[in-house]
């Protein structure tokens, strides 16, 4: 037993003084003042020096930024100070663990106590969040979109510039509340989609960040230097770089073209054969759904954009071969989610703004859209070809918490949602190019079966683990605006709602 205790003491001692933290700790100690500090990762870089007996020889480096706000309790004044480190060598372990946290808190000094374990504890904590919801410094205000956002009093407006990547865009009360209430690692890491090195914020700040080594060295067209680290980064962090900072993935180009909350659904798929070389050409078509505010009565109406065909890579086709009629990406309150869900599940089902739960004659609770949003049943046809029951929706929510996609309760051995579900035969999805060719073309069917066999996440028992996806393509697309009484040039055969068609230049290069 004594040996075990000795071993534990040695482990604790080792963990408390790991060399990975040394450069950051040394930087903080080098700031001789006794101010309280928040330290952020300011920049990252690495160089490949060549090869040695252990493989590729690389130098990894960090640059840090320490901020002291120096709030004076007596007169309420602030005297901010900013300190920058030189380039400091770090281990590959530290580099891989931290590289997506530019602008995020990685260390602190509070009342003389230094903490340099911020890379673990700061997951999901933008550096400036310490000063949000502090009534001494500002207050929540409603902006012109009707959203509560944090606003510093003019006297403290400088704080926003000290933490530019946190406050580049307004921080909404809803978003702040989500991060404050986060209890799991997955929930904390979702913040990187908004605030980290390769976040939507970083993308929006591209010009402002261009002087930093990371953003000047790794441009959207040349990220090959990161490929050797693909297996070592883990999670979806590296995929976020490819998805958000580049135009490789078509749905992200669509997402960037459509501002505000929206959902992108895989509308159709196809495989063609080159008549000359016999090469297989893989294609996707997408549907974008978002709500548009009407100025005259402040109500919202759904707007739908259907893309042209995107030519994609085979592995992306394989990855989503089960997902036709499913939502691949959604954005809500400026937070992106790559969780594959039945269309309409991420933002509309269960949302009291659009409908309510009712009880049928069998005492089953099901979702019903309000009359003014009845057209959503048609827009999300692959989901609402039959009732959406509350118990199934709750199963979806449970799956979502552990990053598993939900394909519904099996019906006669088939999933309820997705490419090979009952909806593919009974809804508008049955009229898709994919479904028609799959039913009539044996050669096409064999190619699809090969993709199903190659898929890294096959559908089993109505669920599958969350995939990661990237590719390249170009497109243009048209839009359909749905309304209950608008004029139309054509009518939907599956609904009494009408729509007008108009061209759109959004999306694609």
Foldseek 3Di string as FASTA:
>chain_A
DVVVVVVVVVVVVCVVPPPQLVVVVVVVVVPPDQAKKFKFFAAWDKDFPQADPVGTDMWIWTKMKIKGQCQDPPPRATDIDMDIDDIDTGDPVNCLLPVFGNQWTQWIADRNDIDRNCSVVGQQPGRLLVVFPPVSFWDWDQDPLRFTFTDGDPSRNVSCVVSVLVVVDTDTPVNSVQSVPDDDSVSSNLNSCRRTDQHLSCLVCLVVSCVHPVSVVDAQVDPVVCVVCVVPNDDCSVLSNNLRRYQFAQVSLLDVLDDAWKWKAFAAWDWDADPPPRDIWIKTKIKMWDWDADPVPRDTFIKIWIWDIWTWDLLQCLQQVFGHQWTQWIAHPNGIDRQTERPCLPPHFPDVVFWDWDADPVRWTFTDGPPQHNCVCQVSVLVVLDTHTPVFSVVQVVCVVVQKYFQPADDPNAGSGTDGHPSCCRTCVVVHPLNVCCVPPPVRVVVSVVSPVVHPWHDDRGITHRDRDTGHTFIFIKMWTWGQDDDDPDQDPVDNIGTYIDGDRGGGD
